[in-house]
Amino acid sequence: MWKELEGYARDRSLPWLEASRHLPFNQDGLLPAIAQQHDSGEVLMMAWMNREALEETLATGRVCYWSRSRGKLWRKGESSGQVQLLREMRFDCDGDTILLLVDQTGPACHSGRRSCFYNAVRDDRLVVIDDPMIDPETLYPR
């Protein structure tokens, strides 16, 4: 099905239920999902989605992931309050990566930074290029 879509003209479509049956989840039942701020293009984070997380996200408009470490659904912001509201869900050309265009409240990263991508290779150094917006202890009180 994904190969067939390559020949589609702009605005031609398929029913979502039909297309979703062809999602190539990995052996763990997951697809990588990249969250990007919808208006600035800033890449915020990468996480994993299973079918249930994907369906919940589409149904509620609030982004839900699958937490591999906790082994359960993870509704972004459920403990920190830093939610992601879905503006649009997209798939790459072969359907094996999700792009979530979101409206992010505050930091997306557990470190308190806006983006999880705050480490940059510059010359022969790995450089931290962003400061936390919020102390992680404030985000995740014990």
N, C-alpha and C. Protein backbone atom coordinates (compact mmCIF):
# COMPACT_ATOMS: atom_id res chain seq x y z
N MET A 1 0.82 -1.19 0.00
CA MET A 1 0.00 0.00 0.00
C MET A 1 0.87 1.26 0.00
N TRP A 2 1.94 1.27 0.81
CA TRP A 2 2.78 2.47 0.89
C TRP A 2 3.45 2.76 -0.44
N LYS A 3 3.87 1.72 -1.15
CA LYS A 3 4.48 1.89 -2.47
C LYS A 3 3.46 2.49 -3.44
N GLU A 4 2.21 2.04 -3.33
CA GLU A 4 1.13 2.55 -4.18
C GLU A 4 0.92 4.05 -3.97
N LEU A 5 1.05 4.50 -2.73
CA LEU A 5 0.84 5.92 -2.42
C LEU A 5 1.85 6.83 -3.12
N GLU A 6 3.02 6.28 -3.45
CA GLU A 6 4.04 7.09 -4.13
C GLU A 6 3.51 7.65 -5.44
N GLY A 7 2.59 6.94 -6.09
CA GLY A 7 2.04 7.39 -7.37
C GLY A 7 0.82 8.28 -7.25
N TYR A 8 0.35 8.52 -6.04
CA TYR A 8 -0.83 9.34 -5.83
C TYR A 8 -0.52 10.82 -6.06
N ALA A 9 -1.47 11.51 -6.65
CA ALA A 9 -1.38 12.97 -6.80
C ALA A 9 -1.80 13.62 -5.48
N ARG A 10 -1.41 14.86 -5.32
CA ARG A 10 -1.78 15.63 -4.13
C ARG A 10 -3.29 15.59 -3.91
N ASP A 11 -3.70 15.43 -2.66
CA ASP A 11 -5.09 15.42 -2.21
C ASP A 11 -5.86 14.13 -2.52
N ARG A 12 -5.24 13.16 -3.20
CA ARG A 12 -5.87 11.85 -3.34
C ARG A 12 -5.71 11.14 -2.00
N SER A 13 -6.68 10.35 -1.60
CA SER A 13 -6.63 9.78 -0.25
C SER A 13 -7.15 8.35 -0.20
N LEU A 14 -6.89 7.74 0.94
CA LEU A 14 -7.41 6.41 1.28
C LEU A 14 -8.15 6.53 2.60
N PRO A 15 -9.09 5.64 2.87
CA PRO A 15 -9.68 5.63 4.20
C PRO A 15 -8.61 5.29 5.25
N TRP A 16 -8.60 6.03 6.37
CA TRP A 16 -7.59 5.82 7.41
C TRP A 16 -7.60 4.39 7.94
N LEU A 17 -8.78 3.82 8.15
CA LEU A 17 -8.84 2.46 8.69
C LEU A 17 -8.15 1.47 7.77
N GLU A 18 -8.32 1.64 6.48
CA GLU A 18 -7.64 0.77 5.52
C GLU A 18 -6.13 0.99 5.58
N ALA A 19 -5.71 2.24 5.56
CA ALA A 19 -4.28 2.55 5.58
C ALA A 19 -3.63 2.05 6.87
N SER A 20 -4.32 2.21 7.99
CA SER A 20 -3.73 1.85 9.29
C SER A 20 -3.48 0.35 9.41
N ARG A 21 -4.20 -0.46 8.65
CA ARG A 21 -3.97 -1.91 8.68
C ARG A 21 -2.61 -2.28 8.08
N HIS A 22 -2.02 -1.36 7.33
CA HIS A 22 -0.75 -1.63 6.64
C HIS A 22 0.44 -0.99 7.33
N LEU A 23 0.26 -0.50 8.54
CA LEU A 23 1.39 0.10 9.25
C LEU A 23 2.40 -0.98 9.62
N PRO A 24 3.66 -0.78 9.30
CA PRO A 24 4.68 -1.82 9.53
C PRO A 24 5.31 -1.72 10.93
N PHE A 25 4.51 -2.01 11.96
CA PHE A 25 5.04 -2.00 13.32
C PHE A 25 6.21 -2.98 13.42
N ASN A 26 7.19 -2.65 14.26
CA ASN A 26 8.34 -3.54 14.43
C ASN A 26 7.95 -4.78 15.23
N GLN A 27 8.94 -5.63 15.52
CA GLN A 27 8.66 -6.89 16.22
C GLN A 27 8.08 -6.68 17.61
N ASP A 28 8.27 -5.49 18.18
CA ASP A 28 7.69 -5.15 19.49
C ASP A 28 6.34 -4.45 19.37
N GLY A 29 5.84 -4.32 18.13
CA GLY A 29 4.56 -3.67 17.92
C GLY A 29 4.63 -2.16 17.99
N LEU A 30 5.80 -1.59 17.67
CA LEU A 30 6.03 -0.16 17.83
C LEU A 30 6.48 0.50 16.53
N LEU A 31 6.21 1.79 16.45
CA LEU A 31 6.74 2.66 15.40
C LEU A 31 7.40 3.87 16.07
N PRO A 32 8.55 4.34 15.53
CA PRO A 32 9.13 5.56 16.07
C PRO A 32 8.27 6.77 15.70
N ALA A 33 8.17 7.70 16.64
CA ALA A 33 7.38 8.91 16.43
C ALA A 33 8.23 10.13 16.79
N ILE A 34 8.33 11.05 15.87
CA ILE A 34 9.08 12.28 16.07
C ILE A 34 8.08 13.41 16.30
N ALA A 35 8.25 14.12 17.40
CA ALA A 35 7.38 15.26 17.70
C ALA A 35 8.09 16.54 17.27
N GLN A 36 7.37 17.36 16.51
CA GLN A 36 7.89 18.62 15.99
C GLN A 36 6.88 19.72 16.30
N GLN A 37 7.38 20.85 16.79
CA GLN A 37 6.50 21.99 17.05
C GLN A 37 5.90 22.45 15.73
N HIS A 38 4.58 22.51 15.68
CA HIS A 38 3.87 22.75 14.42
C HIS A 38 4.17 24.09 13.78
N ASP A 39 4.40 25.13 14.56
CA ASP A 39 4.55 26.47 13.97
C ASP A 39 6.00 26.89 13.75
N SER A 40 6.93 26.33 14.50
CA SER A 40 8.33 26.74 14.36
C SER A 40 9.18 25.70 13.62
N GLY A 41 8.69 24.47 13.56
CA GLY A 41 9.47 23.41 12.93
C GLY A 41 10.51 22.78 13.85
N GLU A 42 10.59 23.25 15.09
CA GLU A 42 11.58 22.73 16.04
C GLU A 42 11.29 21.25 16.34
N VAL A 43 12.33 20.42 16.20
CA VAL A 43 12.20 19.01 16.53
C VAL A 43 12.32 18.89 18.05
N LEU A 44 11.31 18.30 18.68
CA LEU A 44 11.23 18.27 20.13
C LEU A 44 11.73 16.97 20.75
N MET A 45 11.31 15.84 20.21
CA MET A 45 11.64 14.57 20.83
C MET A 45 11.32 13.43 19.89
N MET A 46 11.81 12.25 20.25
CA MET A 46 11.46 11.01 19.58
C MET A 46 11.00 10.03 20.66
N ALA A 47 9.92 9.33 20.38
CA ALA A 47 9.41 8.31 21.30
C ALA A 47 8.79 7.21 20.45
N TRP A 48 8.12 6.28 21.09
CA TRP A 48 7.54 5.13 20.40
C TRP A 48 6.03 5.12 20.57
N MET A 49 5.35 4.64 19.53
CA MET A 49 3.89 4.49 19.59
C MET A 49 3.52 3.07 19.18
N ASN A 50 2.61 2.47 19.93
CA ASN A 50 1.99 1.23 19.47
C ASN A 50 0.63 1.60 18.88
N ARG A 51 -0.10 0.60 18.41
CA ARG A 51 -1.39 0.89 17.77
C ARG A 51 -2.35 1.59 18.74
N GLU A 52 -2.37 1.16 19.99
CA GLU A 52 -3.27 1.76 20.98
C GLU A 52 -2.93 3.24 21.22
N ALA A 53 -1.64 3.55 21.34
CA ALA A 53 -1.22 4.94 21.55
C ALA A 53 -1.58 5.80 20.33
N LEU A 54 -1.37 5.25 19.15
CA LEU A 54 -1.70 5.97 17.93
C LEU A 54 -3.21 6.26 17.86
N GLU A 55 -4.01 5.23 18.14
CA GLU A 55 -5.46 5.41 18.09
C GLU A 55 -5.95 6.39 19.15
N GLU A 56 -5.38 6.31 20.36
CA GLU A 56 -5.78 7.25 21.42
C GLU A 56 -5.42 8.68 21.05
N THR A 57 -4.25 8.86 20.48
CA THR A 57 -3.81 10.19 20.06
C THR A 57 -4.78 10.78 19.04
N LEU A 58 -5.16 9.99 18.06
CA LEU A 58 -6.09 10.47 17.04
C LEU A 58 -7.47 10.74 17.63
N ALA A 59 -7.89 9.91 18.56
CA ALA A 59 -9.23 10.06 19.15
C ALA A 59 -9.34 11.26 20.08
N THR A 60 -8.25 11.55 20.83
CA THR A 60 -8.32 12.60 21.86
C THR A 60 -7.67 13.91 21.45
N GLY A 61 -6.73 13.86 20.51
CA GLY A 61 -5.98 15.06 20.14
C GLY A 61 -4.84 15.37 21.10
N ARG A 62 -4.65 14.55 22.10
CA ARG A 62 -3.54 14.70 23.04
C ARG A 62 -2.58 13.53 22.80
N VAL A 63 -1.30 13.84 22.63
CA VAL A 63 -0.35 12.82 22.21
C VAL A 63 -0.10 11.81 23.33
N CYS A 64 -0.15 10.55 22.93
CA CYS A 64 0.07 9.42 23.81
C CYS A 64 1.14 8.54 23.17
N TYR A 65 2.10 8.11 23.94
CA TYR A 65 3.17 7.23 23.47
C TYR A 65 3.12 5.91 24.21
N TRP A 66 3.99 4.98 23.79
CA TRP A 66 4.20 3.75 24.52
C TRP A 66 5.54 3.88 25.24
N SER A 67 5.54 3.76 26.55
CA SER A 67 6.77 3.82 27.33
C SER A 67 7.38 2.43 27.39
N ARG A 68 8.52 2.25 26.76
CA ARG A 68 9.19 0.95 26.79
C ARG A 68 9.71 0.65 28.18
N SER A 69 10.18 1.67 28.90
CA SER A 69 10.74 1.43 30.24
C SER A 69 9.65 1.07 31.25
N ARG A 70 8.48 1.68 31.11
CA ARG A 70 7.38 1.40 32.05
C ARG A 70 6.46 0.29 31.57
N GLY A 71 6.53 -0.02 30.28
CA GLY A 71 5.68 -1.05 29.71
C GLY A 71 4.20 -0.69 29.71
N LYS A 72 3.92 0.61 29.47
CA LYS A 72 2.51 1.05 29.45
C LYS A 72 2.38 2.32 28.64
N LEU A 73 1.12 2.69 28.37
CA LEU A 73 0.87 3.94 27.67
C LEU A 73 1.38 5.11 28.49
N TRP A 74 1.90 6.10 27.79
CA TRP A 74 2.45 7.29 28.42
C TRP A 74 1.80 8.50 27.75
N ARG A 75 0.91 9.12 28.47
CA ARG A 75 0.23 10.31 27.96
C ARG A 75 1.13 11.50 28.26
N LYS A 76 1.71 12.05 27.23
CA LYS A 76 2.69 13.12 27.39
C LYS A 76 2.14 14.21 28.29
N GLY A 77 2.87 14.49 29.37
CA GLY A 77 2.47 15.53 30.31
C GLY A 77 1.64 15.05 31.47
N GLU A 78 1.37 13.73 31.57
CA GLU A 78 0.50 13.24 32.65
C GLU A 78 1.10 13.48 34.03
N SER A 79 2.43 13.51 34.13
CA SER A 79 3.02 13.82 35.45
C SER A 79 3.64 15.21 35.49
N SER A 80 4.11 15.71 34.35
CA SER A 80 4.79 17.01 34.33
C SER A 80 3.86 18.17 34.00
N GLY A 81 2.73 17.88 33.36
CA GLY A 81 1.85 18.94 32.91
C GLY A 81 2.26 19.54 31.57
N GLN A 82 3.34 19.05 31.00
CA GLN A 82 3.87 19.59 29.74
C GLN A 82 3.30 18.78 28.56
N VAL A 83 2.06 19.04 28.22
CA VAL A 83 1.34 18.23 27.24
C VAL A 83 1.69 18.58 25.80
N GLN A 84 1.38 17.64 24.92
CA GLN A 84 1.50 17.86 23.49
C GLN A 84 0.11 17.68 22.89
N LEU A 85 -0.37 18.71 22.24
CA LEU A 85 -1.64 18.62 21.53
C LEU A 85 -1.35 18.38 20.05
N LEU A 86 -2.00 17.40 19.49
CA LEU A 86 -1.76 17.02 18.10
C LEU A 86 -2.39 18.03 17.15
N ARG A 87 -1.60 18.52 16.23
CA ARG A 87 -2.12 19.37 15.16
C ARG A 87 -2.27 18.57 13.87
N GLU A 88 -1.31 17.64 13.63
CA GLU A 88 -1.38 16.80 12.44
C GLU A 88 -0.47 15.60 12.63
N MET A 89 -0.90 14.44 12.14
CA MET A 89 -0.07 13.24 12.15
C MET A 89 0.29 12.92 10.70
N ARG A 90 1.58 12.66 10.48
CA ARG A 90 2.05 12.31 9.15
C ARG A 90 2.89 11.04 9.23
N PHE A 91 3.04 10.39 8.09
CA PHE A 91 3.89 9.20 8.00
C PHE A 91 4.91 9.41 6.89
N ASP A 92 6.08 8.79 7.06
CA ASP A 92 7.08 8.89 6.00
C ASP A 92 6.65 8.01 4.82
N CYS A 93 7.48 7.97 3.78
CA CYS A 93 7.11 7.34 2.51
C CYS A 93 6.79 5.86 2.62
N ASP A 94 7.40 5.15 3.56
CA ASP A 94 7.09 3.72 3.69
C ASP A 94 6.31 3.39 4.96
N GLY A 95 5.82 4.42 5.64
CA GLY A 95 4.92 4.22 6.76
C GLY A 95 5.55 3.74 8.04
N ASP A 96 6.89 3.72 8.09
CA ASP A 96 7.52 3.16 9.29
C ASP A 96 8.03 4.19 10.28
N THR A 97 7.73 5.46 10.05
CA THR A 97 8.05 6.52 11.01
C THR A 97 6.92 7.55 11.01
N ILE A 98 6.53 7.94 12.21
CA ILE A 98 5.46 8.91 12.38
C ILE A 98 6.06 10.28 12.67
N LEU A 99 5.49 11.31 12.07
CA LEU A 99 5.82 12.70 12.40
C LEU A 99 4.57 13.31 13.02
N LEU A 100 4.73 13.77 14.25
CA LEU A 100 3.62 14.41 14.97
C LEU A 100 3.87 15.91 15.00
N LEU A 101 3.03 16.66 14.35
CA LEU A 101 3.09 18.11 14.44
C LEU A 101 2.24 18.48 15.64
N VAL A 102 2.88 19.07 16.64
CA VAL A 102 2.24 19.27 17.93
C VAL A 102 2.31 20.73 18.38
N ASP A 103 1.48 21.03 19.35
CA ASP A 103 1.59 22.28 20.09
C ASP A 103 2.06 21.86 21.48
N GLN A 104 3.33 22.10 21.77
CA GLN A 104 3.97 21.67 23.01
C GLN A 104 3.82 22.73 24.08
N THR A 105 3.35 22.32 25.26
CA THR A 105 3.31 23.20 26.42
C THR A 105 4.64 23.07 27.15
N GLY A 106 5.41 24.15 27.25
CA GLY A 106 6.67 24.13 28.00
C GLY A 106 7.69 23.17 27.41
N PRO A 107 8.56 22.61 28.27
CA PRO A 107 9.62 21.73 27.78
C PRO A 107 9.07 20.37 27.36
N ALA A 108 9.69 19.80 26.34
CA ALA A 108 9.33 18.45 25.89
C ALA A 108 10.21 17.41 26.55
N CYS A 109 11.38 17.81 26.99
CA CYS A 109 12.37 16.86 27.51
C CYS A 109 12.28 16.71 29.03
N HIS A 110 12.52 15.50 29.50
CA HIS A 110 12.51 15.24 30.94
C HIS A 110 13.60 16.02 31.67
N SER A 111 14.59 16.54 30.92
CA SER A 111 15.66 17.33 31.52
C SER A 111 15.23 18.77 31.79
N GLY A 112 14.00 19.11 31.38
CA GLY A 112 13.49 20.47 31.55
C GLY A 112 13.79 21.37 30.37
N ARG A 113 14.42 20.81 29.34
CA ARG A 113 14.74 21.59 28.14
C ARG A 113 13.58 21.52 27.15
N ARG A 114 13.51 22.51 26.30
CA ARG A 114 12.46 22.57 25.29
C ARG A 114 12.50 21.34 24.39
N SER A 115 13.69 20.94 23.96
CA SER A 115 13.88 19.82 23.05
C SER A 115 14.81 18.80 23.68
N CYS A 116 14.60 17.54 23.34
CA CYS A 116 15.53 16.49 23.78
C CYS A 116 16.84 16.55 22.99
N PHE A 117 16.86 17.28 21.90
CA PHE A 117 18.04 17.34 21.04
C PHE A 117 18.88 18.57 21.38
N TYR A 118 19.49 18.53 22.56
CA TYR A 118 20.28 19.67 23.04
C TYR A 118 21.78 19.38 23.09
N ASN A 119 22.20 18.25 22.55
CA ASN A 119 23.63 17.90 22.50
C ASN A 119 24.07 17.95 21.04
N ALA A 120 25.03 18.80 20.73
CA ALA A 120 25.49 18.99 19.35
C ALA A 120 26.96 18.63 19.23
N VAL A 121 27.30 17.92 18.16
CA VAL A 121 28.70 17.65 17.87
C VAL A 121 29.24 18.85 17.11
N ARG A 122 30.22 19.50 17.70
CA ARG A 122 30.85 20.67 17.09
C ARG A 122 32.35 20.47 17.15
N ASP A 123 32.90 20.35 15.97
CA ASP A 123 34.32 20.00 15.82
C ASP A 123 34.56 18.68 16.56
N ASP A 124 35.44 18.66 17.55
CA ASP A 124 35.74 17.41 18.24
C ASP A 124 35.10 17.36 19.63
N ARG A 125 33.99 18.10 19.82
CA ARG A 125 33.35 18.21 21.13
C ARG A 125 31.86 17.90 21.03
N LEU A 126 31.31 17.36 22.11
CA LEU A 126 29.86 17.24 22.25
C LEU A 126 29.46 18.39 23.17
N VAL A 127 28.68 19.33 22.62
CA VAL A 127 28.38 20.57 23.32
C VAL A 127 26.90 20.63 23.69
N VAL A 128 26.62 20.96 24.94
CA VAL A 128 25.24 21.21 25.38
C VAL A 128 24.87 22.60 24.87
N ILE A 129 23.80 22.67 24.07
CA ILE A 129 23.48 23.94 23.39
C ILE A 129 22.21 24.61 23.91
N ASP A 130 21.63 24.06 24.98
CA ASP A 130 20.41 24.66 25.51
C ASP A 130 20.35 24.45 27.01
N ASP A 131 19.85 25.45 27.72
CA ASP A 131 19.67 25.34 29.17
C ASP A 131 18.25 24.86 29.47
N PRO A 132 18.05 24.24 30.63
CA PRO A 132 16.69 23.86 31.02
C PRO A 132 15.80 25.10 31.16
N MET A 133 14.56 24.94 30.76
CA MET A 133 13.55 25.98 30.96
C MET A 133 13.02 25.91 32.39
N ILE A 134 12.96 24.67 32.89
CA ILE A 134 12.41 24.37 34.21
C ILE A 134 13.29 23.32 34.86
N ASP A 135 13.52 23.46 36.14
CA ASP A 135 14.27 22.46 36.90
C ASP A 135 13.50 21.14 36.85
N PRO A 136 14.15 20.03 36.44
CA PRO A 136 13.46 18.74 36.37
C PRO A 136 12.83 18.31 37.70
N GLU A 137 13.39 18.73 38.81
CA GLU A 137 12.80 18.41 40.11
C GLU A 137 11.42 19.07 40.28
N THR A 138 11.24 20.22 39.63
CA THR A 138 9.95 20.89 39.64
C THR A 138 8.96 20.16 38.74
N LEU A 139 9.46 19.66 37.58
CA LEU A 139 8.60 18.94 36.66
C LEU A 139 8.12 17.61 37.22
N TYR A 140 9.03 16.92 37.90
CA TYR A 140 8.75 15.57 38.38
C TYR A 140 9.03 15.48 39.88
N PRO A 141 8.18 16.09 40.70
CA PRO A 141 8.41 16.02 42.14
C PRO A 141 8.27 14.57 42.62
N ARG A 142 9.05 14.24 43.63
CA ARG A 142 9.04 12.86 44.14
C ARG A 142 8.02 12.70 45.23
